[in-house]
Amino acid sequence: MPRMLDVSDEVRSEIGDDEADRLLGGDRAPDSYECTSCRTPGDTHVEPTSTVLFVGEETAVLAFAHARCIPSQVVPVAEEQLVGAVRSISQAQTGAPAAHASPAMPSPAMHSPAMPTPLDPAPATAPAAQPSAPGQAAILGITCGLVLHGKVGHASLVVEPTGPVGRPGSTSGEDEFLDLLQDAGFQRITDLDQTPDQLPGWSVLVAMGKLHAVLQPAAAGGSTGWWQAHQPLQVTDAWRMAASQLSEVTMYAVPAGMVGRQPREDLLRQALERAVALGQVVAASLPLAGT
């Protein structure tokens, strides 16, 4: 029996037309599933459902999600994450499978310039790294926290590299991190209480209840990773609730050494306000993919 499934072109290209057609025809799709984003039950017979393909180096996991939570897409992840996901899926099965594991198809890897570990409670922050030495690639650090826009708390990401970020091929050592983001559509902000404009094509991927990636438009269409967690990052319930209520996340970016790792959200805001006063913050509102 046909199911209410969406198989994106990106997923279809990975799993092949035959497998995609079998899914759409109901031969390989479950009747019910646990949404890979919000972790609540779904039914492919009565609810629009997205296929989400998590791809590692040797393995792929085809999972299912409510279409309202996350669109059909390919999400490259570390191989060890998929091993844990397959184990969790096997333990959670109560009848129809919640996901389908199959050999991974060749696909371009989505590499992350950052290597964070699971985040601490709000503001959640990737462990501080040593400043990058000359000639070394800077590592992006990310802090998750609630930032008030007026009286409304917005789920926010503060992105700060460990050293200067130049344009591809540049050897000058000049920091062009904010300029690069402005070229992509981010705007310099002068008032932290103002919500920045939404940036088309970009999004924040929250799947399995954790922060996975910041996505940007791909040259060939669809999305690709601008930043991806080395392992999914645990965010607070308050952060996730705020992101879900507004269906977006505010991303702030600052140069190296401008904000630093702050242990509390009030200190994070103070550091951001100082950076705004110096004209050293660019920002955008990014749609939320997932919940």
Protein backbone atom coordinates (compact mmCIF):
# COMPACT_ATOMS: atom_id res chain seq x y z
CA MET A 1 0.00 0.00 0.00
CA PRO A 2 1.47 3.42 -0.93
CA ARG A 3 2.66 5.51 1.98
CA MET A 4 2.70 9.25 2.63
CA LEU A 5 6.46 9.36 2.19
CA ASP A 6 8.73 12.07 0.81
CA VAL A 7 12.00 10.85 -0.69
CA SER A 8 14.08 13.87 -1.69
CA ASP A 9 16.24 13.83 -4.80
CA GLU A 10 19.25 13.87 -2.48
CA VAL A 11 18.11 10.72 -0.67
CA ARG A 12 17.07 9.06 -3.93
CA SER A 13 20.51 9.62 -5.44
CA GLU A 14 22.08 7.88 -2.45
CA ILE A 15 19.80 4.85 -2.16
CA GLY A 16 18.98 4.43 -5.84
CA ASP A 17 15.73 4.61 -7.79
CA ASP A 18 14.73 0.99 -7.13
CA GLU A 19 14.99 1.33 -3.35
CA ALA A 20 13.23 4.69 -3.42
CA ASP A 21 10.36 3.22 -5.46
CA ARG A 22 10.04 0.29 -3.06
CA LEU A 23 9.80 2.72 -0.17
CA LEU A 24 7.15 4.82 -1.88
CA GLY A 25 5.22 1.69 -2.80
CA GLY A 26 5.22 0.49 0.81
CA ASP A 27 7.41 -2.59 0.35
CA ARG A 28 10.27 -1.28 2.47
CA ALA A 29 8.58 1.37 4.62
CA PRO A 30 7.30 0.74 8.15
CA ASP A 31 3.67 1.30 9.06
CA SER A 32 4.69 3.17 12.22
CA TYR A 33 7.92 4.72 13.39
CA GLU A 34 9.50 6.91 16.02
CA CYS A 35 10.27 10.34 14.55
CA THR A 36 14.03 10.77 14.38
CA SER A 37 13.60 14.43 15.29
CA CYS A 38 10.92 14.80 17.97
CA ARG A 39 10.99 11.14 19.12
CA THR A 40 7.19 10.76 19.08
CA PRO A 41 5.27 8.09 17.13
CA GLY A 42 4.38 8.53 13.48
CA ASP A 43 2.29 6.61 10.96
CA THR A 44 3.25 6.51 7.29
CA HIS A 45 -0.35 5.74 6.30
CA VAL A 46 -1.88 8.93 7.68
CA GLU A 47 0.97 11.43 8.28
CA PRO A 48 3.30 13.06 5.75
CA THR A 49 6.64 11.46 6.50
CA SER A 50 10.19 12.37 5.52
CA THR A 51 12.97 9.91 4.81
CA VAL A 52 16.24 10.95 6.46
CA LEU A 53 19.42 9.14 5.47
CA PHE A 54 22.27 9.28 7.99
CA VAL A 55 25.48 8.41 6.12
CA GLY A 56 28.79 7.35 7.65
CA GLU A 57 31.99 6.00 6.14
CA GLU A 58 30.79 2.41 5.85
CA THR A 59 27.19 2.42 7.02
CA ALA A 60 23.95 4.27 6.35
CA VAL A 61 20.82 4.43 8.47
CA LEU A 62 17.54 5.30 6.80
CA ALA A 63 15.27 6.86 9.40
CA PHE A 64 11.83 8.42 9.28
CA ALA A 65 10.49 11.69 10.63
CA HIS A 66 7.31 13.73 10.58
CA ALA A 67 7.45 16.02 7.54
CA ARG A 68 6.50 18.90 9.85
CA CYS A 69 9.64 18.27 11.91
CA ILE A 70 12.34 17.84 9.28
CA PRO A 71 12.51 17.60 5.48
CA SER A 72 13.80 14.58 3.62
CA GLN A 73 17.58 14.90 3.36
CA VAL A 74 20.97 13.23 3.67
CA VAL A 75 22.86 13.89 6.92
CA PRO A 76 26.53 12.80 6.91
CA VAL A 77 27.64 11.73 10.39
CA ALA A 78 30.58 9.99 12.00
CA GLU A 79 30.66 6.20 11.62
CA GLU A 80 30.67 5.63 15.39
CA GLN A 81 27.46 7.62 15.70
CA LEU A 82 25.73 5.30 13.25
CA VAL A 83 26.87 2.23 15.15
CA GLY A 84 25.22 3.67 18.26
CA ALA A 85 22.12 4.63 16.29
CA VAL A 86 21.69 1.13 14.89
CA ARG A 87 22.07 -0.28 18.39
CA SER A 88 19.44 2.12 19.75
CA ILE A 89 17.06 1.35 16.92
CA SER A 90 17.41 -2.39 17.52
CA GLN A 91 16.68 -1.95 21.22
CA ALA A 92 13.69 0.30 20.55
CA GLN A 93 11.95 -1.90 17.99
CA THR A 94 8.59 -3.17 19.19
CA GLY A 95 7.20 -4.42 15.91
CA ALA A 96 7.68 -2.51 12.72
CA PRO A 97 11.21 -1.13 12.42
CA ALA A 98 11.74 2.53 13.28
CA ALA A 99 14.59 2.73 10.79
CA HIS A 100 16.32 0.69 8.16
CA ALA A 101 20.06 0.12 8.06
CA SER A 102 21.80 -0.58 4.78
CA PRO A 103 25.30 -0.30 3.28
CA ALA A 104 26.25 3.30 2.67
CA MET A 105 26.28 4.58 -0.88
CA PRO A 106 29.29 6.69 -1.92
CA SER A 107 28.68 10.34 -1.12
CA PRO A 108 30.74 13.45 -0.50
CA ALA A 109 31.67 13.68 3.18
CA MET A 110 30.45 16.74 5.04
CA HIS A 111 33.47 17.73 7.08
CA SER A 112 33.22 19.97 10.08
CA PRO A 113 35.80 22.63 10.89
CA ALA A 114 34.88 22.22 14.53
CA MET A 115 35.48 19.34 16.88
CA PRO A 116 33.23 19.93 19.88
CA THR A 117 32.11 17.47 22.49
CA PRO A 118 28.66 17.30 24.12
CA LEU A 119 27.66 20.63 25.57
CA ASP A 120 27.13 21.59 29.20
CA PRO A 121 23.86 23.09 30.53
CA ALA A 122 22.89 26.56 29.34
CA PRO A 123 24.70 28.28 28.00
CA ALA A 124 25.92 25.08 26.38
CA THR A 125 29.46 25.51 25.18
CA ALA A 126 31.96 23.40 23.29
CA PRO A 127 35.13 23.02 25.36
CA ALA A 128 37.59 25.85 24.80
CA ALA A 129 40.44 25.06 22.44
CA GLN A 130 43.93 26.51 22.33
CA PRO A 131 44.37 29.35 19.81
CA SER A 132 45.45 28.03 16.45
CA ALA A 133 49.12 28.43 15.58
CA PRO A 134 50.14 30.36 12.45
CA GLY A 135 49.42 28.28 9.36
CA GLN A 136 46.95 26.01 11.15
CA ALA A 137 43.26 25.96 10.37
CA ALA A 138 41.10 27.68 12.96
CA ILE A 139 38.57 25.58 14.84
CA LEU A 140 35.04 26.90 15.25
CA GLY A 141 33.69 26.91 18.79
CA ILE A 142 29.94 27.06 19.37
CA THR A 143 28.02 28.22 22.42
CA CYS A 144 24.28 27.55 22.72
CA GLY A 145 22.21 29.80 24.95
CA LEU A 146 19.07 31.90 25.21
CA VAL A 147 19.49 35.55 24.22
CA LEU A 148 16.69 37.99 24.96
CA HIS A 149 15.31 40.04 22.06
CA GLY A 150 13.31 42.49 24.11
CA LYS A 151 11.40 40.21 26.48
CA VAL A 152 11.48 37.09 24.29
CA GLY A 153 14.19 34.48 24.74
CA HIS A 154 15.61 33.29 21.43
CA ALA A 155 17.53 30.05 21.02
CA SER A 156 20.94 31.23 19.86
CA LEU A 157 24.28 29.95 18.63
CA VAL A 158 27.43 32.01 19.12
CA VAL A 159 30.16 30.95 16.70
CA GLU A 160 33.75 31.99 17.41
CA PRO A 161 36.89 30.63 15.74
CA THR A 162 40.09 29.97 17.63
CA GLY A 163 42.11 32.10 15.22
CA PRO A 164 41.95 34.20 12.06
CA VAL A 165 39.85 32.83 9.21
CA GLY A 166 40.93 33.89 5.71
CA ARG A 167 39.51 33.45 2.27
CA PRO A 168 40.47 30.26 0.40
CA GLY A 169 44.03 30.54 -0.84
CA SER A 170 44.84 33.59 1.29
CA THR A 171 48.20 33.51 3.08
CA SER A 172 48.09 37.03 4.55
CA GLY A 173 46.88 35.91 7.96
CA GLU A 174 44.21 38.60 7.90
CA ASP A 175 40.99 37.66 9.69
CA GLU A 176 38.12 37.79 7.18
CA PHE A 177 35.66 35.62 9.12
CA LEU A 178 32.96 38.27 9.42
CA ASP A 179 33.48 39.49 5.87
CA LEU A 180 33.00 35.95 4.56
CA LEU A 181 29.75 35.59 6.48
CA GLN A 182 28.55 38.99 5.27
CA ASP A 183 29.22 37.81 1.72
CA ALA A 184 26.88 34.89 2.52
CA GLY A 185 24.13 37.24 3.73
CA PHE A 186 24.77 37.70 7.46
CA GLN A 187 24.32 41.26 8.71
CA ARG A 188 26.30 43.31 11.20
CA ILE A 189 24.08 44.15 14.14
CA THR A 190 23.95 47.27 16.28
CA ASP A 191 21.23 46.25 18.75
CA LEU A 192 21.14 42.88 20.48
CA ASP A 193 17.42 43.31 21.21
CA GLN A 194 16.58 43.29 17.49
CA THR A 195 15.91 39.97 15.78
CA PRO A 196 18.04 39.70 12.63
CA ASP A 197 16.49 38.90 9.28
CA GLN A 198 16.07 35.29 8.25
CA LEU A 199 18.75 34.03 5.84
CA PRO A 200 17.28 32.02 2.92
CA GLY A 201 18.80 28.61 2.30
CA TRP A 202 20.49 28.31 5.69
CA SER A 203 19.11 26.24 8.57
CA VAL A 204 19.98 24.64 11.89
CA LEU A 205 19.57 20.86 11.98
CA VAL A 206 18.26 19.41 15.23
CA ALA A 207 17.66 15.67 14.97
CA MET A 208 17.24 12.94 17.57
CA GLY A 209 16.78 15.79 20.05
CA LYS A 210 20.33 17.11 19.59
CA LEU A 211 22.12 19.77 17.58
CA HIS A 212 23.71 18.22 14.52
CA ALA A 213 24.68 20.92 12.07
CA VAL A 214 24.37 24.36 10.57
CA LEU A 215 23.46 23.95 6.91
CA GLN A 216 24.04 26.31 4.00
CA PRO A 217 22.84 26.23 0.38
CA ALA A 218 24.75 23.83 -1.85
CA ALA A 219 25.96 24.98 -5.26
CA ALA A 220 24.14 22.12 -6.97
CA GLY A 221 20.93 22.67 -4.99
CA GLY A 222 19.79 21.40 -1.62
CA SER A 223 21.88 21.89 1.51
CA THR A 224 25.39 21.12 2.64
CA GLY A 225 27.15 21.45 5.95
CA TRP A 226 28.71 24.77 6.95
CA TRP A 227 29.37 23.40 10.44
CA GLN A 228 28.71 19.91 11.75
CA ALA A 229 29.08 18.55 15.24
CA HIS A 230 31.74 15.88 15.53
CA GLN A 231 29.20 14.26 17.82
CA PRO A 232 25.59 15.48 18.26
CA LEU A 233 25.48 18.23 20.86
CA GLN A 234 23.04 18.02 23.75
CA VAL A 235 21.13 21.28 24.24
CA THR A 236 18.92 22.28 27.15
CA ASP A 237 15.17 21.74 27.16
CA ALA A 238 14.66 25.51 27.40
CA TRP A 239 16.83 26.10 24.32
CA ARG A 240 15.05 23.44 22.31
CA MET A 241 11.61 24.68 23.41
CA ALA A 242 12.43 28.25 22.39
CA ALA A 243 13.74 27.06 19.02
CA SER A 244 10.61 24.98 18.44
CA GLN A 245 8.20 27.76 19.42
CA LEU A 246 9.78 30.27 17.02
CA SER A 247 10.84 27.69 14.40
CA GLU A 248 14.20 29.41 14.13
CA VAL A 249 17.58 29.88 15.78
CA THR A 250 19.59 33.11 15.91
CA MET A 251 23.21 32.61 14.90
CA TYR A 252 25.77 35.18 16.01
CA ALA A 253 29.35 35.12 14.75
CA VAL A 254 32.30 36.99 16.25
CA PRO A 255 36.06 37.10 15.60
CA ALA A 256 38.48 35.01 17.62
CA GLY A 257 38.85 36.08 21.26
CA MET A 258 35.85 38.43 21.19
CA VAL A 259 33.36 36.56 23.42
CA GLY A 260 35.10 33.51 24.82
CA ARG A 261 33.52 30.73 26.85
CA GLN A 262 30.96 32.14 29.25
CA PRO A 263 29.59 30.05 32.16
CA ARG A 264 26.21 31.85 32.38
CA GLU A 265 23.73 33.29 29.91
CA ASP A 266 23.84 36.75 31.50
CA LEU A 267 27.62 36.80 31.03
CA LEU A 268 27.19 35.56 27.47
CA ARG A 269 24.85 38.47 26.76
CA GLN A 270 27.24 40.98 28.33
CA ALA A 271 30.09 39.67 26.16
CA LEU A 272 27.88 39.90 23.07
CA GLU A 273 26.84 43.45 23.95
CA ARG A 274 30.51 44.47 24.20
CA ALA A 275 31.19 42.89 20.83
CA VAL A 276 28.16 44.64 19.29
CA ALA A 277 29.38 47.99 20.62
CA LEU A 278 32.69 47.35 18.82
CA GLY A 279 30.89 46.45 15.58
CA GLN A 280 32.24 42.90 15.73
CA VAL A 281 29.07 40.79 15.47
CA VAL A 282 27.23 39.50 12.41
CA ALA A 283 24.00 37.56 12.76
CA ALA A 284 21.06 35.97 10.99
CA SER A 285 17.93 34.06 11.91
CA LEU A 286 18.14 30.50 10.59
CA PRO A 287 15.06 28.29 10.17
CA LEU A 288 14.92 25.26 12.41
CA ALA A 289 15.06 21.86 10.75
CA GLY A 290 13.70 19.43 13.32
CA THR A 291 12.62 19.97 16.91
